[in-house]
Amino acid sequence: MYLAIIACLLILIYTGGQPTKRTYEMICFYLLGWASLEELEAHIEKLKAKSL
């Protein structure tokens, strides 16, 4: 759980936008092995596009 929170903070720095609850869920799913790296990267790219 703490790793996911730290990752959300790093995403905030990278995207310039605040991570959503869905972002936190995607990170947790990735850490649990339920989501692939490609799915996580696609979600982060969507956040980055929205913040521009």
PDB file of N, CA and C in Angstrom:
ATOM      1  N   MET A   1       0.826  -1.175   0.000  1.00  0.00           N
ATOM      2  CA  MET A   1       0.000   0.000   0.000  1.00  0.00           C
ATOM      3  C   MET A   1       0.881   1.254   0.000  1.00  0.00           C
ATOM      4  N   TYR A   2       1.910   1.273   0.815  1.00  0.00           N
ATOM      5  CA  TYR A   2       2.777   2.454   0.869  1.00  0.00           C
ATOM      6  C   TYR A   2       3.516   2.663  -0.447  1.00  0.00           C
ATOM      7  N   LEU A   3       3.890   1.578  -1.080  1.00  0.00           N
ATOM      8  CA  LEU A   3       4.564   1.688  -2.368  1.00  0.00           C
ATOM      9  C   LEU A   3       3.647   2.328  -3.407  1.00  0.00           C
ATOM     10  N   ALA A   4       2.371   1.979  -3.370  1.00  0.00           N
ATOM     11  CA  ALA A   4       1.413   2.561  -4.304  1.00  0.00           C
ATOM     12  C   ALA A   4       1.238   4.056  -4.051  1.00  0.00           C
ATOM     13  N   ILE A   5       1.239   4.466  -2.795  1.00  0.00           N
ATOM     14  CA  ILE A   5       1.116   5.890  -2.469  1.00  0.00           C
ATOM     15  C   ILE A   5       2.334   6.658  -2.966  1.00  0.00           C
ATOM     16  N   ILE A   6       3.510   6.111  -2.771  1.00  0.00           N
ATOM     17  CA  ILE A   6       4.734   6.744  -3.264  1.00  0.00           C
ATOM     18  C   ILE A   6       4.696   6.841  -4.787  1.00  0.00           C
ATOM     19  N   ALA A   7       4.239   5.783  -5.441  1.00  0.00           N
ATOM     20  CA  ALA A   7       4.136   5.789  -6.900  1.00  0.00           C
ATOM     21  C   ALA A   7       3.160   6.864  -7.364  1.00  0.00           C
ATOM     22  N   CYS A   8       2.057   7.056  -6.654  1.00  0.00           N
ATOM     23  CA  CYS A   8       1.105   8.108  -7.012  1.00  0.00           C
ATOM     24  C   CYS A   8       1.749   9.488  -6.908  1.00  0.00           C
ATOM     25  N   LEU A   9       2.563   9.680  -5.894  1.00  0.00           N
ATOM     26  CA  LEU A   9       3.258  10.967  -5.758  1.00  0.00           C
ATOM     27  C   LEU A   9       4.243  11.185  -6.908  1.00  0.00           C
ATOM     28  N   LEU A  10       4.935  10.140  -7.322  1.00  0.00           N
ATOM     29  CA  LEU A  10       5.850  10.262  -8.455  1.00  0.00           C
ATOM     30  C   LEU A  10       5.088  10.538  -9.752  1.00  0.00           C
ATOM     31  N   ILE A  11       3.913   9.945  -9.895  1.00  0.00           N
ATOM     32  CA  ILE A  11       3.083  10.208 -11.073  1.00  0.00           C
ATOM     33  C   ILE A  11       2.630  11.664 -11.075  1.00  0.00           C
ATOM     34  N   LEU A  12       2.332  12.205  -9.903  1.00  0.00           N
ATOM     35  CA  LEU A  12       1.965  13.622  -9.795  1.00  0.00           C
ATOM     36  C   LEU A  12       3.085  14.498 -10.338  1.00  0.00           C
ATOM     37  N   ILE A  13       4.318  14.178  -9.995  1.00  0.00           N
ATOM     38  CA  ILE A  13       5.458  14.950 -10.485  1.00  0.00           C
ATOM     39  C   ILE A  13       5.619  14.770 -11.991  1.00  0.00           C
ATOM     40  N   TYR A  14       5.464  13.545 -12.474  1.00  0.00           N
ATOM     41  CA  TYR A  14       5.677  13.232 -13.892  1.00  0.00           C
ATOM     42  C   TYR A  14       4.601  13.832 -14.794  1.00  0.00           C
ATOM     43  N   THR A  15       3.336  13.715 -14.395  1.00  0.00           N
ATOM     44  CA  THR A  15       2.241  14.155 -15.265  1.00  0.00           C
ATOM     45  C   THR A  15       1.845  15.604 -15.028  1.00  0.00           C
ATOM     46  N   GLY A  16       2.129  16.112 -13.850  1.00  0.00           N
ATOM     47  CA  GLY A  16       1.709  17.470 -13.529  1.00  0.00           C
ATOM     48  C   GLY A  16       0.265  17.541 -13.093  1.00  0.00           C
ATOM     49  N   GLY A  17      -0.407  16.409 -13.051  1.00  0.00           N
ATOM     50  CA  GLY A  17      -1.801  16.357 -12.619  1.00  0.00           C
ATOM     51  C   GLY A  17      -1.950  15.434 -11.433  1.00  0.00           C
ATOM     52  N   GLN A  18      -2.996  15.641 -10.691  1.00  0.00           N
ATOM     53  CA  GLN A  18      -3.207  14.837  -9.504  1.00  0.00           C
ATOM     54  C   GLN A  18      -3.682  13.438  -9.875  1.00  0.00           C
ATOM     55  N   PRO A  19      -3.079  12.400  -9.309  1.00  0.00           N
ATOM     56  CA  PRO A  19      -3.528  11.038  -9.576  1.00  0.00           C
ATOM     57  C   PRO A  19      -4.942  10.834  -9.042  1.00  0.00           C
ATOM     58  N   THR A  20      -5.705  10.034  -9.739  1.00  0.00           N
ATOM     59  CA  THR A  20      -7.071   9.753  -9.330  1.00  0.00           C
ATOM     60  C   THR A  20      -7.120   8.466  -8.522  1.00  0.00           C
ATOM     61  N   LYS A  21      -8.302   8.157  -8.027  1.00  0.00           N
ATOM     62  CA  LYS A  21      -8.478   6.895  -7.310  1.00  0.00           C
ATOM     63  C   LYS A  21      -8.208   5.731  -8.253  1.00  0.00           C
ATOM     64  N   ARG A  22      -8.576   5.888  -9.509  1.00  0.00           N
ATOM     65  CA  ARG A  22      -8.329   4.849 -10.509  1.00  0.00           C
ATOM     66  C   ARG A  22      -6.827   4.627 -10.700  1.00  0.00           C
ATOM     67  N   THR A  23      -6.033   5.685 -10.629  1.00  0.00           N
ATOM     68  CA  THR A  23      -4.578   5.556 -10.746  1.00  0.00           C
ATOM     69  C   THR A  23      -4.037   4.719  -9.596  1.00  0.00           C
ATOM     70  N   TYR A  24      -4.508   5.011  -8.401  1.00  0.00           N
ATOM     71  CA  TYR A  24      -4.093   4.234  -7.233  1.00  0.00           C
ATOM     72  C   TYR A  24      -4.476   2.763  -7.418  1.00  0.00           C
ATOM     73  N   GLU A  25      -5.693   2.513  -7.907  1.00  0.00           N
ATOM     74  CA  GLU A  25      -6.134   1.140  -8.142  1.00  0.00           C
ATOM     75  C   GLU A  25      -5.263   0.449  -9.180  1.00  0.00           C
ATOM     76  N   MET A  26      -4.932   1.153 -10.265  1.00  0.00           N
ATOM     77  CA  MET A  26      -4.102   0.550 -11.317  1.00  0.00           C
ATOM     78  C   MET A  26      -2.720   0.181 -10.779  1.00  0.00           C
ATOM     79  N   ILE A  27      -2.146   1.036  -9.948  1.00  0.00           N
ATOM     80  CA  ILE A  27      -0.841   0.739  -9.368  1.00  0.00           C
ATOM     81  C   ILE A  27      -0.936  -0.480  -8.462  1.00  0.00           C
ATOM     82  N   CYS A  28      -1.974  -0.538  -7.641  1.00  0.00           N
ATOM     83  CA  CYS A  28      -2.162  -1.708  -6.771  1.00  0.00           C
ATOM     84  C   CYS A  28      -2.343  -2.976  -7.603  1.00  0.00           C
ATOM     85  N   PHE A  29      -3.140  -2.896  -8.669  1.00  0.00           N
ATOM     86  CA  PHE A  29      -3.353  -4.059  -9.528  1.00  0.00           C
ATOM     87  C   PHE A  29      -2.043  -4.502 -10.171  1.00  0.00           C
ATOM     88  N   TYR A  30      -1.229  -3.540 -10.588  1.00  0.00           N
ATOM     89  CA  TYR A  30       0.059  -3.889 -11.186  1.00  0.00           C
ATOM     90  C   TYR A  30       0.962  -4.574 -10.163  1.00  0.00           C
ATOM     91  N   LEU A  31       1.010  -4.040  -8.956  1.00  0.00           N
ATOM     92  CA  LEU A  31       1.856  -4.625  -7.917  1.00  0.00           C
ATOM     93  C   LEU A  31       1.382  -6.016  -7.511  1.00  0.00           C
ATOM     94  N   LEU A  32       0.085  -6.259  -7.618  1.00  0.00           N
ATOM     95  CA  LEU A  32      -0.465  -7.578  -7.306  1.00  0.00           C
ATOM     96  C   LEU A  32      -0.340  -8.561  -8.468  1.00  0.00           C
ATOM     97  N   GLY A  33      -0.009  -8.037  -9.643  1.00  0.00           N
ATOM     98  CA  GLY A  33       0.124  -8.892 -10.810  1.00  0.00           C
ATOM     99  C   GLY A  33      -1.162  -9.041 -11.598  1.00  0.00           C
ATOM    100  N   TRP A  34      -2.172  -8.243 -11.280  1.00  0.00           N
ATOM    101  CA  TRP A  34      -3.466  -8.331 -11.960  1.00  0.00           C
ATOM    102  C   TRP A  34      -3.526  -7.455 -13.205  1.00  0.00           C
ATOM    103  N   ALA A  35      -2.598  -6.514 -13.338  1.00  0.00           N
ATOM    104  CA  ALA A  35      -2.538  -5.645 -14.510  1.00  0.00           C
ATOM    105  C   ALA A  35      -1.120  -5.692 -15.071  1.00  0.00           C
ATOM    106  N   SER A  36      -1.016  -5.546 -16.367  1.00  0.00           N
ATOM    107  CA  SER A  36       0.302  -5.576 -17.001  1.00  0.00           C
ATOM    108  C   SER A  36       0.934  -4.184 -16.969  1.00  0.00           C
ATOM    109  N   LEU A  37       2.214  -4.148 -17.256  1.00  0.00           N
ATOM    110  CA  LEU A  37       2.925  -2.876 -17.307  1.00  0.00           C
ATOM    111  C   LEU A  37       2.371  -1.999 -18.425  1.00  0.00           C
ATOM    112  N   GLU A  38       1.986  -2.611 -19.533  1.00  0.00           N
ATOM    113  CA  GLU A  38       1.430  -1.849 -20.659  1.00  0.00           C
ATOM    114  C   GLU A  38       0.123  -1.166 -20.262  1.00  0.00           C
ATOM    115  N   GLU A  39      -0.711  -1.859 -19.492  1.00  0.00           N
ATOM    116  CA  GLU A  39      -1.976  -1.265 -19.039  1.00  0.00           C
ATOM    117  C   GLU A  39      -1.715  -0.085 -18.106  1.00  0.00           C
ATOM    118  N   LEU A  40      -0.749  -0.244 -17.224  1.00  0.00           N
ATOM    119  CA  LEU A  40      -0.403   0.846 -16.304  1.00  0.00           C
ATOM    120  C   LEU A  40       0.164   2.042 -17.056  1.00  0.00           C
ATOM    121  N   GLU A  41       1.051   1.793 -18.003  1.00  0.00           N
ATOM    122  CA  GLU A  41       1.627   2.882 -18.794  1.00  0.00           C
ATOM    123  C   GLU A  41       0.561   3.596 -19.615  1.00  0.00           C
ATOM    124  N   ALA A  42      -0.382   2.845 -20.172  1.00  0.00           N
ATOM    125  CA  ALA A  42      -1.467   3.459 -20.945  1.00  0.00           C
ATOM    126  C   ALA A  42      -2.314   4.369 -20.057  1.00  0.00           C
ATOM    127  N   HIS A  43      -2.571   3.939 -18.852  1.00  0.00           N
ATOM    128  CA  HIS A  43      -3.351   4.768 -17.926  1.00  0.00           C
ATOM    129  C   HIS A  43      -2.597   6.050 -17.580  1.00  0.00           C
ATOM    130  N   ILE A  44      -1.303   5.938 -17.332  1.00  0.00           N
ATOM    131  CA  ILE A  44      -0.505   7.111 -16.991  1.00  0.00           C
ATOM    132  C   ILE A  44      -0.438   8.078 -18.172  1.00  0.00           C
ATOM    133  N   GLU A  45      -0.333   7.567 -19.373  1.00  0.00           N
ATOM    134  CA  GLU A  45      -0.307   8.422 -20.561  1.00  0.00           C
ATOM    135  C   GLU A  45      -1.639   9.173 -20.713  1.00  0.00           C
ATOM    136  N   LYS A  46      -2.748   8.527 -20.390  1.00  0.00           N
ATOM    137  CA  LYS A  46      -4.051   9.211 -20.429  1.00  0.00           C
ATOM    138  C   LYS A  46      -4.087  10.365 -19.440  1.00  0.00           C
ATOM    139  N   LEU A  47      -3.516  10.143 -18.248  1.00  0.00           N
ATOM    140  CA  LEU A  47      -3.455  11.222 -17.261  1.00  0.00           C
ATOM    141  C   LEU A  47      -2.607  12.380 -17.756  1.00  0.00           C
ATOM    142  N   LYS A  48      -1.499  12.037 -18.386  1.00  0.00           N
ATOM    143  CA  LYS A  48      -0.598  13.072 -18.885  1.00  0.00           C
ATOM    144  C   LYS A  48      -1.271  13.884 -19.994  1.00  0.00           C
ATOM    145  N   ALA A  49      -2.033  13.215 -20.859  1.00  0.00           N
ATOM    146  CA  ALA A  49      -2.734  13.905 -21.951  1.00  0.00           C
ATOM    147  C   ALA A  49      -3.834  14.818 -21.392  1.00  0.00           C
ATOM    148  N   LYS A  50      -4.497  14.401 -20.343  1.00  0.00           N
ATOM    149  CA  LYS A  50      -5.556  15.219 -19.751  1.00  0.00           C
ATOM    150  C   LYS A  50      -5.013  16.470 -19.079  1.00  0.00           C
ATOM    151  N   SER A  51      -3.816  16.369 -18.505  1.00  0.00           N
ATOM    152  CA  SER A  51      -3.262  17.513 -17.784  1.00  0.00           C
ATOM    153  C   SER A  51      -2.678  18.574 -18.717  1.00  0.00           C
ATOM    154  N   LEU A  52      -2.483  18.231 -19.983  1.00  0.00           N
ATOM    155  CA  LEU A  52      -1.937  19.215 -20.929  1.00  0.00           C
ATOM    156  C   LEU A  52      -3.016  20.113 -21.359  1.00  0.00           C
TER     157      LEU A  52
END
